[in-house]
Amino acid sequence: MKDTLAVKVNGKLLVANAGFAPIPAFSFNDPLAIGFLSLKKKRFSYEPDFALGLNGKPWITNHWFRLIILKTSVIIVRTGINPFLFFESERIPSGDERIHVQRNITFELATDHNFRRNGR
């Protein structure tokens, strides 16, 4: 009997000595650690990732919520939404440092098509 409550969980951790950004306008310029997670149940998936500078300052939090709306042996159609936050430190005229948060939201409609015949 199939377990209908099963959730597939995957994850990984990346540590890099030079920061990079998923959006080219942002630059980290310092070493960072990024944690990736993927939770999937039937047609729904939640895929968050978090980046933290090795100096302890937050950099990004990224959350993909995806839903497969059509799945056949030939085509998969999915939709998704991605609320994204980018944190950056900035000095204000008083000399204090504050963390400024930039928000972004992205929508996705994507398809995968299998061009192979008979599943080969």
PDB file of N, CA and C in Angstrom:
ATOM      1  N   MET A   1       0.838  -1.182   0.000  1.00  0.00           N
ATOM      2  CA  MET A   1       0.000   0.000   0.000  1.00  0.00           C
ATOM      3  C   MET A   1       0.883   1.246   0.000  1.00  0.00           C
ATOM      4  N   LYS A   2       0.548   2.219  -0.848  1.00  0.00           N
ATOM      5  CA  LYS A   2       1.328   3.441  -0.964  1.00  0.00           C
ATOM      6  C   LYS A   2       1.046   4.375   0.199  1.00  0.00           C
ATOM      7  N   ASP A   3       2.095   5.016   0.702  1.00  0.00           N
ATOM      8  CA  ASP A   3       1.937   5.985   1.784  1.00  0.00           C
ATOM      9  C   ASP A   3       1.617   7.348   1.198  1.00  0.00           C
ATOM     10  N   THR A   4       0.382   7.804   1.345  1.00  0.00           N
ATOM     11  CA  THR A   4      -0.036   9.077   0.754  1.00  0.00           C
ATOM     12  C   THR A   4       0.436  10.271   1.570  1.00  0.00           C
ATOM     13  N   LEU A   5       0.954  10.044   2.776  1.00  0.00           N
ATOM     14  CA  LEU A   5       1.427  11.140   3.617  1.00  0.00           C
ATOM     15  C   LEU A   5       2.925  11.388   3.457  1.00  0.00           C
ATOM     16  N   ALA A   6       3.600  10.629   2.624  1.00  0.00           N
ATOM     17  CA  ALA A   6       5.052  10.730   2.481  1.00  0.00           C
ATOM     18  C   ALA A   6       5.462  12.070   1.898  1.00  0.00           C
ATOM     19  N   VAL A   7       6.483  12.634   2.493  1.00  0.00           N
ATOM     20  CA  VAL A   7       7.083  13.877   2.007  1.00  0.00           C
ATOM     21  C   VAL A   7       8.537  13.573   1.685  1.00  0.00           C
ATOM     22  N   LYS A   8       8.967  13.913   0.469  1.00  0.00           N
ATOM     23  CA  LYS A   8      10.366  13.732   0.083  1.00  0.00           C
ATOM     24  C   LYS A   8      11.150  14.954   0.553  1.00  0.00           C
ATOM     25  N   VAL A   9      12.254  14.707   1.231  1.00  0.00           N
ATOM     26  CA  VAL A   9      13.067  15.794   1.783  1.00  0.00           C
ATOM     27  C   VAL A   9      14.485  15.653   1.261  1.00  0.00           C
ATOM     28  N   ASN A  10      15.020  16.741   0.712  1.00  0.00           N
ATOM     29  CA  ASN A  10      16.411  16.806   0.266  1.00  0.00           C
ATOM     30  C   ASN A  10      16.999  18.117   0.754  1.00  0.00           C
ATOM     31  N   GLY A  11      18.298  18.156   0.915  1.00  0.00           N
ATOM     32  CA  GLY A  11      18.944  19.392   1.327  1.00  0.00           C
ATOM     33  C   GLY A  11      20.428  19.348   1.066  1.00  0.00           C
ATOM     34  N   LYS A  12      21.038  20.524   1.102  1.00  0.00           N
ATOM     35  CA  LYS A  12      22.491  20.601   0.976  1.00  0.00           C
ATOM     36  C   LYS A  12      22.971  21.915   1.557  1.00  0.00           C
ATOM     37  N   LEU A  13      24.235  21.973   1.858  1.00  0.00           N
ATOM     38  CA  LEU A  13      24.865  23.164   2.413  1.00  0.00           C
ATOM     39  C   LEU A  13      26.069  23.508   1.551  1.00  0.00           C
ATOM     40  N   LEU A  14      26.175  24.767   1.174  1.00  0.00           N
ATOM     41  CA  LEU A  14      27.281  25.248   0.351  1.00  0.00           C
ATOM     42  C   LEU A  14      28.035  26.309   1.137  1.00  0.00           C
ATOM     43  N   VAL A  15      29.345  26.171   1.218  1.00  0.00           N
ATOM     44  CA  VAL A  15      30.191  27.189   1.844  1.00  0.00           C
ATOM     45  C   VAL A  15      31.166  27.651   0.775  1.00  0.00           C
ATOM     46  N   ALA A  16      31.203  28.966   0.545  1.00  0.00           N
ATOM     47  CA  ALA A  16      32.056  29.515  -0.514  1.00  0.00           C
ATOM     48  C   ALA A  16      32.910  30.650   0.041  1.00  0.00           C
ATOM     49  N   ASN A  17      34.111  30.803  -0.503  1.00  0.00           N
ATOM     50  CA  ASN A  17      34.995  31.868  -0.031  1.00  0.00           C
ATOM     51  C   ASN A  17      34.770  33.187  -0.766  1.00  0.00           C
ATOM     52  N   ALA A  18      33.960  33.178  -1.816  1.00  0.00           N
ATOM     53  CA  ALA A  18      33.621  34.410  -2.533  1.00  0.00           C
ATOM     54  C   ALA A  18      32.118  34.412  -2.755  1.00  0.00           C
ATOM     55  N   GLY A  19      31.485  35.467  -2.330  1.00  0.00           N
ATOM     56  CA  GLY A  19      30.034  35.525  -2.427  1.00  0.00           C
ATOM     57  C   GLY A  19      29.556  35.661  -3.857  1.00  0.00           C
ATOM     58  N   PHE A  20      28.401  35.090  -4.142  1.00  0.00           N
ATOM     59  CA  PHE A  20      27.744  35.233  -5.430  1.00  0.00           C
ATOM     60  C   PHE A  20      26.275  35.456  -5.149  1.00  0.00           C
ATOM     61  N   ALA A  21      25.550  35.915  -6.130  1.00  0.00           N
ATOM     62  CA  ALA A  21      24.140  36.227  -5.917  1.00  0.00           C
ATOM     63  C   ALA A  21      23.287  35.632  -7.021  1.00  0.00           C
ATOM     64  N   PRO A  22      22.082  35.154  -6.671  1.00  0.00           N
ATOM     65  CA  PRO A  22      21.187  34.646  -7.711  1.00  0.00           C
ATOM     66  C   PRO A  22      20.654  35.757  -8.605  1.00  0.00           C
ATOM     67  N   ILE A  23      20.685  36.977  -8.135  1.00  0.00           N
ATOM     68  CA  ILE A  23      20.296  38.131  -8.947  1.00  0.00           C
ATOM     69  C   ILE A  23      21.559  38.967  -9.141  1.00  0.00           C
ATOM     70  N   PRO A  24      22.030  39.162 -10.373  1.00  0.00           N
ATOM     71  CA  PRO A  24      23.329  39.799 -10.617  1.00  0.00           C
ATOM     72  C   PRO A  24      23.491  41.196 -10.017  1.00  0.00           C
ATOM     73  N   ALA A  25      22.400  41.921  -9.779  1.00  0.00           N
ATOM     74  CA  ALA A  25      22.512  43.275  -9.233  1.00  0.00           C
ATOM     75  C   ALA A  25      23.021  43.260  -7.794  1.00  0.00           C
ATOM     76  N   PHE A  26      22.901  42.123  -7.113  1.00  0.00           N
ATOM     77  CA  PHE A  26      23.340  42.015  -5.729  1.00  0.00           C
ATOM     78  C   PHE A  26      24.720  41.384  -5.690  1.00  0.00           C
ATOM     79  N   SER A  27      25.569  41.860  -4.823  1.00  0.00           N
ATOM     80  CA  SER A  27      26.901  41.288  -4.688  1.00  0.00           C
ATOM     81  C   SER A  27      27.200  41.095  -3.211  1.00  0.00           C
ATOM     82  N   PHE A  28      27.725  39.937  -2.851  1.00  0.00           N
ATOM     83  CA  PHE A  28      28.006  39.662  -1.450  1.00  0.00           C
ATOM     84  C   PHE A  28      29.420  40.102  -1.055  1.00  0.00           C
ATOM     85  N   ASN A  29      30.380  39.913  -1.938  1.00  0.00           N
ATOM     86  CA  ASN A  29      31.765  40.348  -1.722  1.00  0.00           C
ATOM     87  C   ASN A  29      32.461  39.728  -0.510  1.00  0.00           C
ATOM     88  N   ASP A  30      31.869  38.764   0.137  1.00  0.00           N
ATOM     89  CA  ASP A  30      32.452  38.119   1.307  1.00  0.00           C
ATOM     90  C   ASP A  30      32.115  36.630   1.289  1.00  0.00           C
ATOM     91  N   PRO A  31      32.836  35.828   2.085  1.00  0.00           N
ATOM     92  CA  PRO A  31      32.496  34.404   2.192  1.00  0.00           C
ATOM     93  C   PRO A  31      31.083  34.212   2.739  1.00  0.00           C
ATOM     94  N   LEU A  32      30.445  33.108   2.330  1.00  0.00           N
ATOM     95  CA  LEU A  32      29.083  32.863   2.758  1.00  0.00           C
ATOM     96  C   LEU A  32      28.794  31.379   2.876  1.00  0.00           C
ATOM     97  N   ALA A  33      27.686  31.079   3.545  1.00  0.00           N
ATOM     98  CA  ALA A  33      27.157  29.721   3.636  1.00  0.00           C
ATOM     99  C   ALA A  33      25.709  29.780   3.168  1.00  0.00           C
ATOM    100  N   ILE A  34      25.324  28.830   2.308  1.00  0.00           N
ATOM    101  CA  ILE A  34      23.953  28.777   1.812  1.00  0.00           C
ATOM    102  C   ILE A  34      23.397  27.393   2.112  1.00  0.00           C
ATOM    103  N   GLY A  35      22.222  27.379   2.707  1.00  0.00           N
ATOM    104  CA  GLY A  35      21.525  26.123   2.976  1.00  0.00           C
ATOM    105  C   GLY A  35      20.344  25.988   2.040  1.00  0.00           C
ATOM    106  N   PHE A  36      20.219  24.842   1.397  1.00  0.00           N
ATOM    107  CA  PHE A  36      19.126  24.553   0.467  1.00  0.00           C
ATOM    108  C   PHE A  36      18.288  23.418   1.042  1.00  0.00           C
ATOM    109  N   LEU A  37      16.973  23.502   0.861  1.00  0.00           N
ATOM    110  CA  LEU A  37      16.073  22.469   1.327  1.00  0.00           C
ATOM    111  C   LEU A  37      14.995  22.260   0.271  1.00  0.00           C
ATOM    112  N   SER A  38      14.514  21.056   0.130  1.00  0.00           N
ATOM    113  CA  SER A  38      13.425  20.758  -0.797  1.00  0.00           C
ATOM    114  C   SER A  38      12.467  19.786  -0.128  1.00  0.00           C
ATOM    115  N   LEU A  39      11.205  20.198  -0.030  1.00  0.00           N
ATOM    116  CA  LEU A  39      10.151  19.357   0.530  1.00  0.00           C
ATOM    117  C   LEU A  39       9.109  19.154  -0.559  1.00  0.00           C
ATOM    118  N   LYS A  40       8.835  17.893  -0.905  1.00  0.00           N
ATOM    119  CA  LYS A  40       7.878  17.603  -1.979  1.00  0.00           C
ATOM    120  C   LYS A  40       6.851  16.598  -1.504  1.00  0.00           C
ATOM    121  N   LYS A  41       5.594  16.905  -1.811  1.00  0.00           N
ATOM    122  CA  LYS A  41       4.500  15.980  -1.508  1.00  0.00           C
ATOM    123  C   LYS A  41       3.530  16.035  -2.673  1.00  0.00           C
ATOM    124  N   LYS A  42       3.401  14.895  -3.340  1.00  0.00           N
ATOM    125  CA  LYS A  42       2.542  14.787  -4.517  1.00  0.00           C
ATOM    126  C   LYS A  42       2.882  15.893  -5.515  1.00  0.00           C
ATOM    127  N   ARG A  43       1.965  16.797  -5.812  1.00  0.00           N
ATOM    128  CA  ARG A  43       2.167  17.829  -6.837  1.00  0.00           C
ATOM    129  C   ARG A  43       2.710  19.147  -6.275  1.00  0.00           C
ATOM    130  N   PHE A  44       2.883  19.230  -4.977  1.00  0.00           N
ATOM    131  CA  PHE A  44       3.318  20.480  -4.340  1.00  0.00           C
ATOM    132  C   PHE A  44       4.757  20.366  -3.864  1.00  0.00           C
ATOM    133  N   SER A  45       5.528  21.451  -3.997  1.00  0.00           N
ATOM    134  CA  SER A  45       6.877  21.480  -3.430  1.00  0.00           C
ATOM    135  C   SER A  45       7.154  22.843  -2.810  1.00  0.00           C
ATOM    136  N   TYR A  46       7.947  22.811  -1.757  1.00  0.00           N
ATOM    137  CA  TYR A  46       8.420  24.020  -1.081  1.00  0.00           C
ATOM    138  C   TYR A  46       9.934  23.924  -1.057  1.00  0.00           C
ATOM    139  N   GLU A  47      10.619  24.930  -1.637  1.00  0.00           N
ATOM    140  CA  GLU A  47      12.073  24.884  -1.784  1.00  0.00           C
ATOM    141  C   GLU A  47      12.695  26.180  -1.269  1.00  0.00           C
ATOM    142  N   PRO A  48      12.967  26.246   0.036  1.00  0.00           N
ATOM    143  CA  PRO A  48      13.608  27.445   0.574  1.00  0.00           C
ATOM    144  C   PRO A  48      15.132  27.333   0.508  1.00  0.00           C
ATOM    145  N   ASP A  49      15.777  28.488   0.453  1.00  0.00           N
ATOM    146  CA  ASP A  49      17.214  28.531   0.669  1.00  0.00           C
ATOM    147  C   ASP A  49      17.545  29.808   1.426  1.00  0.00           C
ATOM    148  N   PHE A  50      18.588  29.718   2.232  1.00  0.00           N
ATOM    149  CA  PHE A  50      18.985  30.821   3.094  1.00  0.00           C
ATOM    150  C   PHE A  50      20.484  31.025   2.955  1.00  0.00           C
ATOM    151  N   ALA A  51      20.909  32.266   2.817  1.00  0.00           N
ATOM    152  CA  ALA A  51      22.334  32.573   2.735  1.00  0.00           C
ATOM    153  C   ALA A  51      22.706  33.459   3.913  1.00  0.00           C
ATOM    154  N   LEU A  52      23.838  33.147   4.510  1.00  0.00           N
ATOM    155  CA  LEU A  52      24.322  33.881   5.661  1.00  0.00           C
ATOM    156  C   LEU A  52      25.805  34.123   5.466  1.00  0.00           C
ATOM    157  N   GLY A  53      26.224  35.358   5.656  1.00  0.00           N
ATOM    158  CA  GLY A  53      27.648  35.657   5.568  1.00  0.00           C
ATOM    159  C   GLY A  53      28.390  35.001   6.723  1.00  0.00           C
ATOM    160  N   LEU A  54      29.619  34.590   6.492  1.00  0.00           N
ATOM    161  CA  LEU A  54      30.394  33.981   7.565  1.00  0.00           C
ATOM    162  C   LEU A  54      30.748  34.998   8.646  1.00  0.00           C
ATOM    163  N   ASN A  55      30.457  36.284   8.387  1.00  0.00           N
ATOM    164  CA  ASN A  55      30.609  37.320   9.398  1.00  0.00           C
ATOM    165  C   ASN A  55      29.346  37.435  10.262  1.00  0.00           C
ATOM    166  N   GLY A  56      28.342  36.566  10.025  1.00  0.00           N
ATOM    167  CA  GLY A  56      27.127  36.546  10.823  1.00  0.00           C
ATOM    168  C   GLY A  56      25.989  37.399  10.285  1.00  0.00           C
ATOM    169  N   LYS A  57      26.224  38.124   9.215  1.00  0.00           N
ATOM    170  CA  LYS A  57      25.177  38.989   8.665  1.00  0.00           C
ATOM    171  C   LYS A  57      24.334  38.215   7.655  1.00  0.00           C
ATOM    172  N   PRO A  58      23.004  38.394   7.721  1.00  0.00           N
ATOM    173  CA  PRO A  58      22.141  37.702   6.750  1.00  0.00           C
ATOM    174  C   PRO A  58      22.290  38.319   5.368  1.00  0.00           C
ATOM    175  N   TRP A  59      22.067  37.494   4.330  1.00  0.00           N
ATOM    176  CA  TRP A  59      22.144  37.999   2.968  1.00  0.00           C
ATOM    177  C   TRP A  59      20.865  37.772   2.182  1.00  0.00           C
ATOM    178  N   ILE A  60      20.402  36.526   2.098  1.00  0.00           N
ATOM    179  CA  ILE A  60      19.161  36.298   1.361  1.00  0.00           C
ATOM    180  C   ILE A  60      18.305  35.237   2.050  1.00  0.00           C
ATOM    181  N   THR A  61      17.024  35.318   1.778  1.00  0.00           N
ATOM    182  CA  THR A  61      16.096  34.250   2.094  1.00  0.00           C
ATOM    183  C   THR A  61      15.172  34.134   0.891  1.00  0.00           C
ATOM    184  N   ASN A  62      15.076  32.948   0.374  1.00  0.00           N
ATOM    185  CA  ASN A  62      14.424  32.698  -0.904  1.00  0.00           C
ATOM    186  C   ASN A  62      13.468  31.522  -0.727  1.00  0.00           C
ATOM    187  N   HIS A  63      12.213  31.666  -1.118  1.00  0.00           N
ATOM    188  CA  HIS A  63      11.212  30.615  -0.898  1.00  0.00           C
ATOM    189  C   HIS A  63      10.444  30.344  -2.186  1.00  0.00           C
ATOM    190  N   TRP A  64      10.593  29.153  -2.756  1.00  0.00           N
ATOM    191  CA  TRP A  64       9.805  28.756  -3.930  1.00  0.00           C
ATOM    192  C   TRP A  64       8.677  27.843  -3.491  1.00  0.00           C
ATOM    193  N   PHE A  65       7.465  28.205  -3.864  1.00  0.00           N
ATOM    194  CA  PHE A  65       6.285  27.366  -3.685  1.00  0.00           C
ATOM    195  C   PHE A  65       5.843  26.970  -5.089  1.00  0.00           C
ATOM    196  N   ARG A  66       5.858  25.664  -5.402  1.00  0.00           N
ATOM    197  CA  ARG A  66       5.538  25.209  -6.756  1.00  0.00           C
ATOM    198  C   ARG A  66       4.421  24.179  -6.728  1.00  0.00           C
ATOM    199  N   LEU A  67       3.614  24.185  -7.795  1.00  0.00           N
ATOM    200  CA  LEU A  67       2.510  23.247  -7.928  1.00  0.00           C
ATOM    201  C   LEU A  67       2.481  22.731  -9.358  1.00  0.00           C
ATOM    202  N   ILE A  68       2.480  21.404  -9.521  1.00  0.00           N
ATOM    203  CA  ILE A  68       2.345  20.800 -10.851  1.00  0.00           C
ATOM    204  C   ILE A  68       0.859  20.808 -11.191  1.00  0.00           C
ATOM    205  N   ILE A  69       0.503  21.501 -12.286  1.00  0.00           N
ATOM    206  CA  ILE A  69      -0.918  21.591 -12.645  1.00  0.00           C
ATOM    207  C   ILE A  69      -1.316  20.592 -13.733  1.00  0.00           C
ATOM    208  N   LEU A  70      -0.332  20.033 -14.448  1.00  0.00           N
ATOM    209  CA  LEU A  70      -0.603  19.007 -15.452  1.00  0.00           C
ATOM    210  C   LEU A  70       0.623  18.110 -15.546  1.00  0.00           C
ATOM    211  N   LYS A  71       0.388  16.787 -15.478  1.00  0.00           N
ATOM    212  CA  LYS A  71       1.508  15.854 -15.595  1.00  0.00           C
ATOM    213  C   LYS A  71       1.055  14.650 -16.403  1.00  0.00           C
ATOM    214  N   THR A  72       1.673  14.465 -17.562  1.00  0.00           N
ATOM    215  CA  THR A  72       1.431  13.294 -18.401  1.00  0.00           C
ATOM    216  C   THR A  72       2.781  12.650 -18.689  1.00  0.00           C
ATOM    217  N   SER A  73       2.791  11.598 -19.490  1.00  0.00           N
ATOM    218  CA  SER A  73       4.060  10.958 -19.843  1.00  0.00           C
ATOM    219  C   SER A  73       4.889  11.828 -20.782  1.00  0.00           C
ATOM    220  N   VAL A  74       4.260  12.828 -21.392  1.00  0.00           N
ATOM    221  CA  VAL A  74       4.950  13.669 -22.369  1.00  0.00           C
ATOM    222  C   VAL A  74       5.246  15.073 -21.843  1.00  0.00           C
ATOM    223  N   ILE A  75       4.364  15.631 -21.019  1.00  0.00           N
ATOM    224  CA  ILE A  75       4.506  17.029 -20.614  1.00  0.00           C
ATOM    225  C   ILE A  75       4.205  17.219 -19.134  1.00  0.00           C
ATOM    226  N   ILE A  76       4.918  18.161 -18.545  1.00  0.00           N
ATOM    227  CA  ILE A  76       4.650  18.600 -17.170  1.00  0.00           C
ATOM    228  C   ILE A  76       4.501  20.118 -17.219  1.00  0.00           C
ATOM    229  N   VAL A  77       3.427  20.633 -16.649  1.00  0.00           N
ATOM    230  CA  VAL A  77       3.203  22.081 -16.549  1.00  0.00           C
ATOM    231  C   VAL A  77       3.124  22.410 -15.068  1.00  0.00           C
ATOM    232  N   ARG A  78       3.920  23.391 -14.654  1.00  0.00           N
ATOM    233  CA  ARG A  78       3.909  23.779 -13.248  1.00  0.00           C
ATOM    234  C   ARG A  78       3.867  25.302 -13.115  1.00  0.00           C
ATOM    235  N   THR A  79       3.410  25.732 -11.973  1.00  0.00           N
ATOM    236  CA  THR A  79       3.375  27.150 -11.662  1.00  0.00           C
ATOM    237  C   THR A  79       4.026  27.344 -10.297  1.00  0.00           C
ATOM    238  N   GLY A  80       4.479  28.549 -10.046  1.00  0.00           N
ATOM    239  CA  GLY A  80       5.135  28.800  -8.765  1.00  0.00           C
ATOM    240  C   GLY A  80       5.154  30.270  -8.418  1.00  0.00           C
ATOM    241  N   ILE A  81       5.437  30.528  -7.155  1.00  0.00           N
ATOM    242  CA  ILE A  81       5.594  31.886  -6.647  1.00  0.00           C
ATOM    243  C   ILE A  81       6.826  31.886  -5.747  1.00  0.00           C
ATOM    244  N   ASN A  82       7.572  32.993  -5.781  1.00  0.00           N
ATOM    245  CA  ASN A  82       8.841  33.074  -5.062  1.00  0.00           C
ATOM    246  C   ASN A  82       8.968  34.413  -4.341  1.00  0.00           C
ATOM    247  N   PRO A  83       8.611  34.472  -3.052  1.00  0.00           N
ATOM    248  CA  PRO A  83       8.949  35.672  -2.284  1.00  0.00           C
ATOM    249  C   PRO A  83      10.431  35.598  -1.899  1.00  0.00           C
ATOM    250  N   PHE A  84      11.154  36.688  -2.102  1.00  0.00           N
ATOM    251  CA  PHE A  84      12.607  36.722  -1.973  1.00  0.00           C
ATOM    252  C   PHE A  84      12.985  37.970  -1.190  1.00  0.00           C
ATOM    253  N   LEU A  85      13.880  37.838  -0.221  1.00  0.00           N
ATOM    254  CA  LEU A  85      14.383  38.985   0.532  1.00  0.00           C
ATOM    255  C   LEU A  85      15.898  39.027   0.420  1.00  0.00           C
ATOM    256  N   PHE A  86      16.431  40.218   0.163  1.00  0.00           N
ATOM    257  CA  PHE A  86      17.877  40.430   0.103  1.00  0.00           C
ATOM    258  C   PHE A  86      18.235  41.456   1.163  1.00  0.00           C
ATOM    259  N   PHE A  87      19.161  41.110   2.036  1.00  0.00           N
ATOM    260  CA  PHE A  87      19.568  41.993   3.136  1.00  0.00           C
ATOM    261  C   PHE A  87      20.916  42.610   2.806  1.00  0.00           C
ATOM    262  N   GLU A  88      21.063  43.899   3.070  1.00  0.00           N
ATOM    263  CA  GLU A  88      22.377  44.509   2.921  1.00  0.00           C
ATOM    264  C   GLU A  88      22.599  45.519   4.029  1.00  0.00           C
ATOM    265  N   SER A  89      23.834  45.606   4.479  1.00  0.00           N
ATOM    266  CA  SER A  89      24.191  46.565   5.519  1.00  0.00           C
ATOM    267  C   SER A  89      24.526  47.894   4.865  1.00  0.00           C
ATOM    268  N   GLU A  90      24.082  48.967   5.498  1.00  0.00           N
ATOM    269  CA  GLU A  90      24.429  50.293   4.991  1.00  0.00           C
ATOM    270  C   GLU A  90      24.670  51.238   6.155  1.00  0.00           C
ATOM    271  N   ARG A  91      25.569  52.166   5.946  1.00  0.00           N
ATOM    272  CA  ARG A  91      25.865  53.176   6.964  1.00  0.00           C
ATOM    273  C   ARG A  91      24.907  54.350   6.762  1.00  0.00           C
ATOM    274  N   ILE A  92      24.360  54.818   7.858  1.00  0.00           N
ATOM    275  CA  ILE A  92      23.500  55.996   7.790  1.00  0.00           C
ATOM    276  C   ILE A  92      24.325  57.205   8.234  1.00  0.00           C
ATOM    277  N   PRO A  93      23.882  58.435   7.929  1.00  0.00           N
ATOM    278  CA  PRO A  93      24.694  59.624   8.222  1.00  0.00           C
ATOM    279  C   PRO A  93      25.186  59.729   9.666  1.00  0.00           C
ATOM    280  N   SER A  94      24.475  59.174  10.629  1.00  0.00           N
ATOM    281  CA  SER A  94      24.919  59.232  12.024  1.00  0.00           C
ATOM    282  C   SER A  94      26.134  58.340  12.278  1.00  0.00           C
ATOM    283  N   GLY A  95      26.481  57.487  11.305  1.00  0.00           N
ATOM    284  CA  GLY A  95      27.614  56.583  11.450  1.00  0.00           C
ATOM    285  C   GLY A  95      27.208  55.184  11.875  1.00  0.00           C
ATOM    286  N   ASP A  96      25.948  55.032  12.280  1.00  0.00           N
ATOM    287  CA  ASP A  96      25.451  53.705  12.645  1.00  0.00           C
ATOM    288  C   ASP A  96      25.254  52.862  11.397  1.00  0.00           C
ATOM    289  N   GLU A  97      25.219  51.558  11.612  1.00  0.00           N
ATOM    290  CA  GLU A  97      24.970  50.630  10.513  1.00  0.00           C
ATOM    291  C   GLU A  97      23.584  50.039  10.680  1.00  0.00           C
ATOM    292  N   ARG A  98      22.866  49.918   9.585  1.00  0.00           N
ATOM    293  CA  ARG A  98      21.553  49.281   9.646  1.00  0.00           C
ATOM    294  C   ARG A  98      21.453  48.262   8.516  1.00  0.00           C
ATOM    295  N   ILE A  99      20.542  47.331   8.692  1.00  0.00           N
ATOM    296  CA  ILE A  99      20.316  46.331   7.653  1.00  0.00           C
ATOM    297  C   ILE A  99      19.091  46.758   6.860  1.00  0.00           C
ATOM    298  N   HIS A 100      19.288  46.905   5.569  1.00  0.00           N
ATOM    299  CA  HIS A 100      18.227  47.308   4.640  1.00  0.00           C
ATOM    300  C   HIS A 100      17.745  46.052   3.918  1.00  0.00           C
ATOM    301  N   VAL A 101      16.437  45.878   3.831  1.00  0.00           N
ATOM    302  CA  VAL A 101      15.868  44.699   3.193  1.00  0.00           C
ATOM    303  C   VAL A 101      15.224  45.096   1.868  1.00  0.00           C
ATOM    304  N   GLN A 102      15.615  44.401   0.802  1.00  0.00           N
ATOM    305  CA  GLN A 102      14.988  44.588  -0.508  1.00  0.00           C
ATOM    306  C   GLN A 102      14.096  43.388  -0.757  1.00  0.00           C
ATOM    307  N   ARG A 103      12.836  43.661  -1.122  1.00  0.00           N
ATOM    308  CA  ARG A 103      11.867  42.585  -1.350  1.00  0.00           C
ATOM    309  C   ARG A 103      11.630  42.405  -2.838  1.00  0.00           C
ATOM    310  N   ASN A 104      11.346  41.160  -3.201  1.00  0.00           N
ATOM    311  CA  ASN A 104      11.063  40.833  -4.591  1.00  0.00           C
ATOM    312  C   ASN A 104      10.084  39.665  -4.592  1.00  0.00           C
ATOM    313  N   ILE A 105       9.197  39.624  -5.572  1.00  0.00           N
ATOM    314  CA  ILE A 105       8.316  38.471  -5.729  1.00  0.00           C
ATOM    315  C   ILE A 105       8.315  38.086  -7.202  1.00  0.00           C
ATOM    316  N   THR A 106       8.453  36.800  -7.459  1.00  0.00           N
ATOM    317  CA  THR A 106       8.540  36.290  -8.821  1.00  0.00           C
ATOM    318  C   THR A 106       7.466  35.215  -9.008  1.00  0.00           C
ATOM    319  N   PHE A 107       6.859  35.213 -10.177  1.00  0.00           N
ATOM    320  CA  PHE A 107       5.895  34.182 -10.536  1.00  0.00           C
ATOM    321  C   PHE A 107       6.488  33.326 -11.644  1.00  0.00           C
ATOM    322  N   GLU A 108       6.079  32.064 -11.706  1.00  0.00           N
ATOM    323  CA  GLU A 108       6.641  31.141 -12.684  1.00  0.00           C
ATOM    324  C   GLU A 108       5.512  30.325 -13.321  1.00  0.00           C
ATOM    325  N   LEU A 109       5.607  30.149 -14.608  1.00  0.00           N
ATOM    326  CA  LEU A 109       4.791  29.186 -15.340  1.00  0.00           C
ATOM    327  C   LEU A 109       5.764  28.482 -16.271  1.00  0.00           C
ATOM    328  N   ALA A 110       5.970  27.185 -16.058  1.00  0.00           N
ATOM    329  CA  ALA A 110       7.015  26.463 -16.795  1.00  0.00           C
ATOM    330  C   ALA A 110       6.497  25.123 -17.290  1.00  0.00           C
ATOM    331  N   THR A 111       7.107  24.657 -18.372  1.00  0.00           N
ATOM    332  CA  THR A 111       6.757  23.339 -18.909  1.00  0.00           C
ATOM    333  C   THR A 111       8.023  22.528 -19.151  1.00  0.00           C
ATOM    334  N   ASP A 112       7.892  21.234 -18.997  1.00  0.00           N
ATOM    335  CA  ASP A 112       8.922  20.267 -19.382  1.00  0.00           C
ATOM    336  C   ASP A 112       8.274  19.350 -20.404  1.00  0.00           C
ATOM    337  N   HIS A 113       8.974  19.099 -21.506  1.00  0.00           N
ATOM    338  CA  HIS A 113       8.421  18.245 -22.559  1.00  0.00           C
ATOM    339  C   HIS A 113       9.412  17.127 -22.853  1.00  0.00           C
ATOM    340  N   ASN A 114       8.909  15.896 -22.932  1.00  0.00           N
ATOM    341  CA  ASN A 114       9.728  14.731 -23.239  1.00  0.00           C
ATOM    342  C   ASN A 114       9.613  14.451 -24.734  1.00  0.00           C
ATOM    343  N   PHE A 115      10.694  14.606 -25.479  1.00  0.00           N
ATOM    344  CA  PHE A 115      10.680  14.399 -26.918  1.00  0.00           C
ATOM    345  C   PHE A 115      11.013  12.956 -27.295  1.00  0.00           C
ATOM    346  N   ARG A 116      11.373  12.132 -26.331  1.00  0.00           N
ATOM    347  CA  ARG A 116      11.697  10.726 -26.619  1.00  0.00           C
ATOM    348  C   ARG A 116      10.414   9.930 -26.835  1.00  0.00           C
ATOM    349  N   ARG A 117      10.497   8.979 -27.729  1.00  0.00           N
ATOM    350  CA  ARG A 117       9.333   8.110 -27.990  1.00  0.00           C
ATOM    351  C   ARG A 117       9.385   6.888 -27.094  1.00  0.00           C
ATOM    352  N   ASN A 118       8.232   6.433 -26.664  1.00  0.00           N
ATOM    353  CA  ASN A 118       8.079   5.213 -25.850  1.00  0.00           C
ATOM    354  C   ASN A 118       8.940   5.243 -24.575  1.00  0.00           C
ATOM    355  N   GLY A 119       9.254   6.454 -24.060  1.00  0.00           N
ATOM    356  CA  GLY A 119       9.994   6.573 -22.819  1.00  0.00           C
ATOM    357  C   GLY A 119      11.432   6.119 -22.876  1.00  0.00           C
ATOM    358  N   ARG A 120      11.998   5.927 -24.063  1.00  0.00           N
ATOM    359  CA  ARG A 120      13.400   5.495 -24.195  1.00  0.00           C
ATOM    360  C   ARG A 120      14.333   6.645 -24.110  1.00  0.00           C
TER     361      ARG A 120
END
